Amino acid sequence: MKLTLMFREYCSLCHKMREQLKPYQEEFGFELEIFDVDEDPVLEEQYNELVPVLLDGDEEICHWFLDEEKLKVWLEGKKPIARA
C-alpha cells in the first residue's frame, strides 16, 4: 500500500505529520510518497491551504493534523486478511 503526503518544506505541520506517520509505517508497512506542492502549480492550486494532506490514492484521510484514530481504522481496513 502507498499513501501520499502533500507537503511543504517550510511547513512545521507537514514535518510533524511526516514524523507522526513513521510508527504507522513500521506497524503497517505502507510506502509514503511525499510531494512538495510548491514544485507543481497544479498541486499547489489544489492543496494550497490544506497542507499537509494525507491521501490514499485520491481519497483524503486527513489534512492539517494527523487524525491517528481515522488513520488506524483506515489502515486496519486495508490490511490483507490472513487465511488459515
PDB file of N, CA and C in Angstrom:
ATOM      1  N   MET A   1       0.843  -1.174   0.000  1.00  0.00           N
ATOM      2  CA  MET A   1       0.000   0.000   0.000  1.00  0.00           C
ATOM      3  C   MET A   1       0.890   1.240   0.000  1.00  0.00           C
ATOM      4  N   LYS A   2       0.432   2.272  -0.706  1.00  0.00           N
ATOM      5  CA  LYS A   2       1.176   3.518  -0.765  1.00  0.00           C
ATOM      6  C   LYS A   2       0.250   4.665  -0.371  1.00  0.00           C
ATOM      7  N   LEU A   3       0.695   5.469   0.591  1.00  0.00           N
ATOM      8  CA  LEU A   3      -0.007   6.686   0.955  1.00  0.00           C
ATOM      9  C   LEU A   3       0.805   7.862   0.437  1.00  0.00           C
ATOM     10  N   THR A   4       0.137   8.983   0.239  1.00  0.00           N
ATOM     11  CA  THR A   4       0.782  10.181  -0.282  1.00  0.00           C
ATOM     12  C   THR A   4       0.607  11.314   0.713  1.00  0.00           C
ATOM     13  N   LEU A   5       1.697  12.043   0.941  1.00  0.00           N
ATOM     14  CA  LEU A   5       1.661  13.217   1.808  1.00  0.00           C
ATOM     15  C   LEU A   5       1.948  14.443   0.963  1.00  0.00           C
ATOM     16  N   MET A   6       0.962  15.337   0.881  1.00  0.00           N
ATOM     17  CA  MET A   6       1.167  16.623   0.232  1.00  0.00           C
ATOM     18  C   MET A   6       1.811  17.528   1.278  1.00  0.00           C
ATOM     19  N   PHE A   7       2.920  18.133   0.921  1.00  0.00           N
ATOM     20  CA  PHE A   7       3.898  18.644   1.880  1.00  0.00           C
ATOM     21  C   PHE A   7       4.430  19.987   1.398  1.00  0.00           C
ATOM     22  N   ARG A   8       4.928  20.774   2.334  1.00  0.00           N
ATOM     23  CA  ARG A   8       5.705  21.982   2.033  1.00  0.00           C
ATOM     24  C   ARG A   8       6.929  21.945   2.929  1.00  0.00           C
ATOM     25  N   GLU A   9       8.065  22.250   2.351  1.00  0.00           N
ATOM     26  CA  GLU A   9       9.323  22.174   3.100  1.00  0.00           C
ATOM     27  C   GLU A   9       9.331  23.111   4.309  1.00  0.00           C
ATOM     28  N   TYR A  10       8.746  24.290   4.178  1.00  0.00           N
ATOM     29  CA  TYR A  10       8.774  25.272   5.270  1.00  0.00           C
ATOM     30  C   TYR A  10       7.621  25.114   6.266  1.00  0.00           C
ATOM     31  N   CYS A  11       6.803  24.091   6.100  1.00  0.00           N
ATOM     32  CA  CYS A  11       5.591  23.908   6.904  1.00  0.00           C
ATOM     33  C   CYS A  11       5.876  23.017   8.114  1.00  0.00           C
ATOM     34  N   SER A  12       5.768  23.592   9.305  1.00  0.00           N
ATOM     35  CA  SER A  12       6.042  22.806  10.513  1.00  0.00           C
ATOM     36  C   SER A  12       4.999  21.708  10.721  1.00  0.00           C
ATOM     37  N   LEU A  13       3.749  21.957  10.346  1.00  0.00           N
ATOM     38  CA  LEU A  13       2.718  20.919  10.461  1.00  0.00           C
ATOM     39  C   LEU A  13       3.027  19.742   9.539  1.00  0.00           C
ATOM     40  N   CYS A  14       3.592  20.043   8.371  1.00  0.00           N
ATOM     41  CA  CYS A  14       3.960  18.988   7.421  1.00  0.00           C
ATOM     42  C   CYS A  14       5.040  18.093   8.001  1.00  0.00           C
ATOM     43  N   HIS A  15       6.066  18.710   8.573  1.00  0.00           N
ATOM     44  CA  HIS A  15       7.161  17.937   9.170  1.00  0.00           C
ATOM     45  C   HIS A  15       6.654  17.104  10.349  1.00  0.00           C
ATOM     46  N   LYS A  16       5.753  17.697  11.131  1.00  0.00           N
ATOM     47  CA  LYS A  16       5.204  16.966  12.280  1.00  0.00           C
ATOM     48  C   LYS A  16       4.408  15.746  11.813  1.00  0.00           C
ATOM     49  N   MET A  17       3.563  15.923  10.780  1.00  0.00           N
ATOM     50  CA  MET A  17       2.768  14.797  10.293  1.00  0.00           C
ATOM     51  C   MET A  17       3.673  13.703   9.742  1.00  0.00           C
ATOM     52  N   ARG A  18       4.725  14.092   9.010  1.00  0.00           N
ATOM     53  CA  ARG A  18       5.643  13.087   8.462  1.00  0.00           C
ATOM     54  C   ARG A  18       6.283  12.279   9.580  1.00  0.00           C
ATOM     55  N   GLU A  19       6.675  12.935  10.655  1.00  0.00           N
ATOM     56  CA  GLU A  19       7.269  12.233  11.803  1.00  0.00           C
ATOM     57  C   GLU A  19       6.251  11.334  12.492  1.00  0.00           C
ATOM     58  N   GLN A  20       5.021  11.816  12.635  1.00  0.00           N
ATOM     59  CA  GLN A  20       3.980  11.031  13.306  1.00  0.00           C
ATOM     60  C   GLN A  20       3.602   9.788  12.506  1.00  0.00           C
ATOM     61  N   LEU A  21       3.830   9.808  11.205  1.00  0.00           N
ATOM     62  CA  LEU A  21       3.482   8.668  10.361  1.00  0.00           C
ATOM     63  C   LEU A  21       4.482   7.517  10.481  1.00  0.00           C
ATOM     64  N   LYS A  22       5.690   7.790  10.943  1.00  0.00           N
ATOM     65  CA  LYS A  22       6.737   6.761  10.984  1.00  0.00           C
ATOM     66  C   LYS A  22       6.343   5.504  11.766  1.00  0.00           C
ATOM     67  N   PRO A  23       5.794   5.613  12.977  1.00  0.00           N
ATOM     68  CA  PRO A  23       5.405   4.384  13.686  1.00  0.00           C
ATOM     69  C   PRO A  23       4.326   3.589  12.942  1.00  0.00           C
ATOM     70  N   TYR A  24       3.434   4.286  12.250  1.00  0.00           N
ATOM     71  CA  TYR A  24       2.398   3.596  11.483  1.00  0.00           C
ATOM     72  C   TYR A  24       2.999   2.889  10.271  1.00  0.00           C
ATOM     73  N   GLN A  25       4.019   3.496   9.667  1.00  0.00           N
ATOM     74  CA  GLN A  25       4.717   2.839   8.558  1.00  0.00           C
ATOM     75  C   GLN A  25       5.364   1.546   9.045  1.00  0.00           C
ATOM     76  N   GLU A  26       5.985   1.609  10.213  1.00  0.00           N
ATOM     77  CA  GLU A  26       6.631   0.414  10.757  1.00  0.00           C
ATOM     78  C   GLU A  26       5.601  -0.672  11.075  1.00  0.00           C
ATOM     79  N   GLU A  27       4.468  -0.280  11.642  1.00  0.00           N
ATOM     80  CA  GLU A  27       3.447  -1.255  12.034  1.00  0.00           C
ATOM     81  C   GLU A  27       2.710  -1.844  10.832  1.00  0.00           C
ATOM     82  N   PHE A  28       2.367  -0.987   9.856  1.00  0.00           N
ATOM     83  CA  PHE A  28       1.512  -1.429   8.757  1.00  0.00           C
ATOM     84  C   PHE A  28       2.265  -1.630   7.439  1.00  0.00           C
ATOM     85  N   GLY A  29       3.510  -1.170   7.368  1.00  0.00           N
ATOM     86  CA  GLY A  29       4.339  -1.431   6.202  1.00  0.00           C
ATOM     87  C   GLY A  29       3.940  -0.716   4.924  1.00  0.00           C
ATOM     88  N   PHE A  30       3.326   0.444   5.030  1.00  0.00           N
ATOM     89  CA  PHE A  30       2.965   1.171   3.819  1.00  0.00           C
ATOM     90  C   PHE A  30       4.130   2.054   3.361  1.00  0.00           C
ATOM     91  N   GLU A  31       4.128   2.337   2.076  1.00  0.00           N
ATOM     92  CA  GLU A  31       5.102   3.250   1.490  1.00  0.00           C
ATOM     93  C   GLU A  31       4.528   4.657   1.591  1.00  0.00           C
ATOM     94  N   LEU A  32       5.376   5.640   1.874  1.00  0.00           N
ATOM     95  CA  LEU A  32       4.923   7.028   1.948  1.00  0.00           C
ATOM     96  C   LEU A  32       5.602   7.822   0.847  1.00  0.00           C
ATOM     97  N   GLU A  33       4.792   8.328  -0.058  1.00  0.00           N
ATOM     98  CA  GLU A  33       5.286   9.167  -1.146  1.00  0.00           C
ATOM     99  C   GLU A  33       5.019  10.616  -0.749  1.00  0.00           C
ATOM    100  N   ILE A  34       6.036  11.459  -0.849  1.00  0.00           N
ATOM    101  CA  ILE A  34       5.906  12.853  -0.421  1.00  0.00           C
ATOM    102  C   ILE A  34       6.052  13.763  -1.632  1.00  0.00           C
ATOM    103  N   PHE A  35       5.076  14.649  -1.796  1.00  0.00           N
ATOM    104  CA  PHE A  35       5.114  15.635  -2.874  1.00  0.00           C
ATOM    105  C   PHE A  35       5.150  17.021  -2.262  1.00  0.00           C
ATOM    106  N   ASP A  36       6.115  17.833  -2.690  1.00  0.00           N
ATOM    107  CA  ASP A  36       6.173  19.238  -2.287  1.00  0.00           C
ATOM    108  C   ASP A  36       5.247  19.996  -3.231  1.00  0.00           C
ATOM    109  N   VAL A  37       4.141  20.491  -2.726  1.00  0.00           N
ATOM    110  CA  VAL A  37       3.146  21.140  -3.581  1.00  0.00           C
ATOM    111  C   VAL A  37       3.683  22.388  -4.256  1.00  0.00           C
ATOM    112  N   ASP A  38       4.713  23.004  -3.676  1.00  0.00           N
ATOM    113  CA  ASP A  38       5.273  24.215  -4.268  1.00  0.00           C
ATOM    114  C   ASP A  38       6.068  23.927  -5.540  1.00  0.00           C
ATOM    115  N   GLU A  39       6.364  22.669  -5.815  1.00  0.00           N
ATOM    116  CA  GLU A  39       7.109  22.308  -7.014  1.00  0.00           C
ATOM    117  C   GLU A  39       6.197  21.990  -8.197  1.00  0.00           C
ATOM    118  N   ASP A  40       4.881  22.030  -7.988  1.00  0.00           N
ATOM    119  CA  ASP A  40       3.933  21.710  -9.052  1.00  0.00           C
ATOM    120  C   ASP A  40       2.747  22.669  -8.953  1.00  0.00           C
ATOM    121  N   PRO A  41       2.578  23.555  -9.946  1.00  0.00           N
ATOM    122  CA  PRO A  41       1.490  24.548  -9.876  1.00  0.00           C
ATOM    123  C   PRO A  41       0.098  23.935  -9.724  1.00  0.00           C
ATOM    124  N   VAL A  42      -0.123  22.761 -10.318  1.00  0.00           N
ATOM    125  CA  VAL A  42      -1.434  22.108 -10.208  1.00  0.00           C
ATOM    126  C   VAL A  42      -1.662  21.641  -8.767  1.00  0.00           C
ATOM    127  N   LEU A  43      -0.649  21.000  -8.164  1.00  0.00           N
ATOM    128  CA  LEU A  43      -0.778  20.557  -6.770  1.00  0.00           C
ATOM    129  C   LEU A  43      -0.895  21.749  -5.836  1.00  0.00           C
ATOM    130  N   GLU A  44      -0.134  22.804  -6.108  1.00  0.00           N
ATOM    131  CA  GLU A  44      -0.189  23.994  -5.259  1.00  0.00           C
ATOM    132  C   GLU A  44      -1.592  24.586  -5.267  1.00  0.00           C
ATOM    133  N   GLU A  45      -2.204  24.657  -6.437  1.00  0.00           N
ATOM    134  CA  GLU A  45      -3.557  25.200  -6.529  1.00  0.00           C
ATOM    135  C   GLU A  45      -4.562  24.294  -5.821  1.00  0.00           C
ATOM    136  N   GLN A  46      -4.398  22.990  -5.975  1.00  0.00           N
ATOM    137  CA  GLN A  46      -5.349  22.033  -5.403  1.00  0.00           C
ATOM    138  C   GLN A  46      -5.241  21.932  -3.884  1.00  0.00           C
ATOM    139  N   TYR A  47      -4.026  21.955  -3.343  1.00  0.00           N
ATOM    140  CA  TYR A  47      -3.824  21.679  -1.912  1.00  0.00           C
ATOM    141  C   TYR A  47      -3.299  22.868  -1.114  1.00  0.00           C
ATOM    142  N   ASN A  48      -3.191  24.013  -1.713  1.00  0.00           N
ATOM    143  CA  ASN A  48      -2.522  25.177  -1.157  1.00  0.00           C
ATOM    144  C   ASN A  48      -2.690  25.374   0.357  1.00  0.00           C
ATOM    145  N   GLU A  49      -3.872  25.655   0.807  1.00  0.00           N
ATOM    146  CA  GLU A  49      -4.092  25.956   2.231  1.00  0.00           C
ATOM    147  C   GLU A  49      -4.431  24.730   3.065  1.00  0.00           C
ATOM    148  N   LEU A  50      -4.460  23.553   2.449  1.00  0.00           N
ATOM    149  CA  LEU A  50      -4.821  22.333   3.178  1.00  0.00           C
ATOM    150  C   LEU A  50      -3.615  21.574   3.713  1.00  0.00           C
ATOM    151  N   VAL A  51      -2.414  21.854   3.175  1.00  0.00           N
ATOM    152  CA  VAL A  51      -1.247  21.049   3.553  1.00  0.00           C
ATOM    153  C   VAL A  51      -0.979  21.134   5.047  1.00  0.00           C
ATOM    154  N   PRO A  52      -0.511  20.040   5.610  1.00  0.00           N
ATOM    155  CA  PRO A  52      -0.279  18.748   4.998  1.00  0.00           C
ATOM    156  C   PRO A  52      -1.581  17.992   4.752  1.00  0.00           C
ATOM    157  N   VAL A  53      -1.596  17.223   3.668  1.00  0.00           N
ATOM    158  CA  VAL A  53      -2.750  16.397   3.322  1.00  0.00           C
ATOM    159  C   VAL A  53      -2.250  14.966   3.143  1.00  0.00           C
ATOM    160  N   LEU A  54      -2.898  14.035   3.826  1.00  0.00           N
ATOM    161  CA  LEU A  54      -2.556  12.624   3.702  1.00  0.00           C
ATOM    162  C   LEU A  54      -3.616  11.954   2.841  1.00  0.00           C
ATOM    163  N   LEU A  55      -3.157  11.278   1.778  1.00  0.00           N
ATOM    164  CA  LEU A  55      -4.060  10.668   0.807  1.00  0.00           C
ATOM    165  C   LEU A  55      -3.765   9.190   0.624  1.00  0.00           C
ATOM    166  N   ASP A  56      -4.812   8.452   0.298  1.00  0.00           N
ATOM    167  CA  ASP A  56      -4.683   7.085  -0.195  1.00  0.00           C
ATOM    168  C   ASP A  56      -5.285   7.135  -1.591  1.00  0.00           C
ATOM    169  N   GLY A  57      -4.432   7.173  -2.595  1.00  0.00           N
ATOM    170  CA  GLY A  57      -4.923   7.412  -3.951  1.00  0.00           C
ATOM    171  C   GLY A  57      -5.474   8.822  -4.013  1.00  0.00           C
ATOM    172  N   ASP A  58      -6.739   8.948  -4.425  1.00  0.00           N
ATOM    173  CA  ASP A  58      -7.388  10.261  -4.485  1.00  0.00           C
ATOM    174  C   ASP A  58      -8.231  10.546  -3.249  1.00  0.00           C
ATOM    175  N   GLU A  59      -8.257   9.602  -2.311  1.00  0.00           N
ATOM    176  CA  GLU A  59      -9.091   9.774  -1.123  1.00  0.00           C
ATOM    177  C   GLU A  59      -8.301  10.402   0.016  1.00  0.00           C
ATOM    178  N   GLU A  60      -8.833  11.498   0.533  1.00  0.00           N
ATOM    179  CA  GLU A  60      -8.183  12.187   1.646  1.00  0.00           C
ATOM    180  C   GLU A  60      -8.459  11.450   2.952  1.00  0.00           C
ATOM    181  N   ILE A  61      -7.391  11.184   3.679  1.00  0.00           N
ATOM    182  CA  ILE A  61      -7.524  10.589   5.009  1.00  0.00           C
ATOM    183  C   ILE A  61      -7.645  11.710   6.035  1.00  0.00           C
ATOM    184  N   CYS A  62      -6.774  12.709   5.930  1.00  0.00           N
ATOM    185  CA  CYS A  62      -6.839  13.852   6.834  1.00  0.00           C
ATOM    186  C   CYS A  62      -5.993  14.997   6.275  1.00  0.00           C
ATOM    187  N   HIS A  63      -6.179  16.183   6.829  1.00  0.00           N
ATOM    188  CA  HIS A  63      -5.332  17.318   6.488  1.00  0.00           C
ATOM    189  C   HIS A  63      -5.101  18.169   7.735  1.00  0.00           C
ATOM    190  N   TRP A  64      -4.086  19.001   7.670  1.00  0.00           N
ATOM    191  CA  TRP A  64      -3.593  19.865   8.746  1.00  0.00           C
ATOM    192  C   TRP A  64      -2.959  19.092   9.894  1.00  0.00           C
ATOM    193  N   PHE A  65      -3.706  18.168  10.489  1.00  0.00           N
ATOM    194  CA  PHE A  65      -3.200  17.387  11.612  1.00  0.00           C
ATOM    195  C   PHE A  65      -3.469  15.908  11.352  1.00  0.00           C
ATOM    196  N   LEU A  66      -2.591  15.055  11.832  1.00  0.00           N
ATOM    197  CA  LEU A  66      -2.784  13.615  11.653  1.00  0.00           C
ATOM    198  C   LEU A  66      -3.928  13.151  12.547  1.00  0.00           C
ATOM    199  N   ASP A  67      -4.960  12.621  11.931  1.00  0.00           N
ATOM    200  CA  ASP A  67      -6.080  12.031  12.659  1.00  0.00           C
ATOM    201  C   ASP A  67      -5.703  10.568  12.884  1.00  0.00           C
ATOM    202  N   GLU A  68      -5.043  10.318  14.008  1.00  0.00           N
ATOM    203  CA  GLU A  68      -4.484   8.989  14.259  1.00  0.00           C
ATOM    204  C   GLU A  68      -5.558   7.916  14.343  1.00  0.00           C
ATOM    205  N   GLU A  69      -6.692   8.236  14.935  1.00  0.00           N
ATOM    206  CA  GLU A  69      -7.773   7.255  15.048  1.00  0.00           C
ATOM    207  C   GLU A  69      -8.295   6.881  13.662  1.00  0.00           C
ATOM    208  N   LYS A  70      -8.539   7.875  12.827  1.00  0.00           N
ATOM    209  CA  LYS A  70      -9.028   7.615  11.469  1.00  0.00           C
ATOM    210  C   LYS A  70      -7.990   6.849  10.660  1.00  0.00           C
ATOM    211  N   LEU A  71      -6.712   7.242  10.801  1.00  0.00           N
ATOM    212  CA  LEU A  71      -5.652   6.555  10.061  1.00  0.00           C
ATOM    213  C   LEU A  71      -5.582   5.091  10.451  1.00  0.00           C
ATOM    214  N   LYS A  72      -5.645   4.807  11.738  1.00  0.00           N
ATOM    215  CA  LYS A  72      -5.546   3.421  12.194  1.00  0.00           C
ATOM    216  C   LYS A  72      -6.715   2.577  11.661  1.00  0.00           C
ATOM    217  N   VAL A  73      -7.912   3.119  11.719  1.00  0.00           N
ATOM    218  CA  VAL A  73      -9.083   2.417  11.183  1.00  0.00           C
ATOM    219  C   VAL A  73      -8.892   2.208   9.682  1.00  0.00           C
ATOM    220  N   TRP A  74      -8.411   3.224   8.983  1.00  0.00           N
ATOM    221  CA  TRP A  74      -8.183   3.151   7.538  1.00  0.00           C
ATOM    222  C   TRP A  74      -7.187   2.034   7.219  1.00  0.00           C
ATOM    223  N   LEU A  75      -6.062   2.047   7.932  1.00  0.00           N
ATOM    224  CA  LEU A  75      -5.012   1.060   7.667  1.00  0.00           C
ATOM    225  C   LEU A  75      -5.459  -0.350   8.036  1.00  0.00           C
ATOM    226  N   GLU A  76      -6.166  -0.502   9.128  1.00  0.00           N
ATOM    227  CA  GLU A  76      -6.651  -1.826   9.527  1.00  0.00           C
ATOM    228  C   GLU A  76      -7.640  -2.375   8.508  1.00  0.00           C
ATOM    229  N   GLY A  77      -8.407  -1.497   7.876  1.00  0.00           N
ATOM    230  CA  GLY A  77      -9.342  -1.918   6.852  1.00  0.00           C
ATOM    231  C   GLY A  77      -8.649  -2.333   5.565  1.00  0.00           C
ATOM    232  N   LYS A  78      -7.409  -1.895   5.368  1.00  0.00           N
ATOM    233  CA  LYS A  78      -6.649  -2.193   4.156  1.00  0.00           C
ATOM    234  C   LYS A  78      -5.730  -3.392   4.327  1.00  0.00           C
ATOM    235  N   LYS A  79      -5.580  -3.866   5.573  1.00  0.00           N
ATOM    236  CA  LYS A  79      -4.684  -4.990   5.837  1.00  0.00           C
ATOM    237  C   LYS A  79      -5.169  -6.248   5.124  1.00  0.00           C
ATOM    238  N   PRO A  80      -4.256  -6.996   4.525  1.00  0.00           N
ATOM    239  CA  PRO A  80      -4.672  -8.268   3.946  1.00  0.00           C
ATOM    240  C   PRO A  80      -5.135  -9.212   5.040  1.00  0.00           C
ATOM    241  N   ILE A  81      -6.180  -9.950   4.754  1.00  0.00           N
ATOM    242  CA  ILE A  81      -6.724 -10.891   5.731  1.00  0.00           C
ATOM    243  C   ILE A  81      -5.904 -12.181   5.669  1.00  0.00           C
ATOM    244  N   ALA A  82      -5.410 -12.593   6.813  1.00  0.00           N
ATOM    245  CA  ALA A  82      -4.634 -13.842   6.880  1.00  0.00           C
ATOM    246  C   ALA A  82      -5.585 -15.016   6.667  1.00  0.00           C
ATOM    247  N   ARG A  83      -5.182 -15.919   5.819  1.00  0.00           N
ATOM    248  CA  ARG A  83      -6.026 -17.091   5.548  1.00  0.00           C
ATOM    249  C   ARG A  83      -5.474 -18.298   6.271  1.00  0.00           C
ATOM    250  N   ALA A  84      -6.392 -19.064   6.850  1.00  0.00           N
ATOM    251  CA  ALA A  84      -5.976 -20.260   7.608  1.00  0.00           C
ATOM    252  C   ALA A  84      -5.730 -21.428   6.684  1.00  0.00           C
TER     253      ALA A  84
END
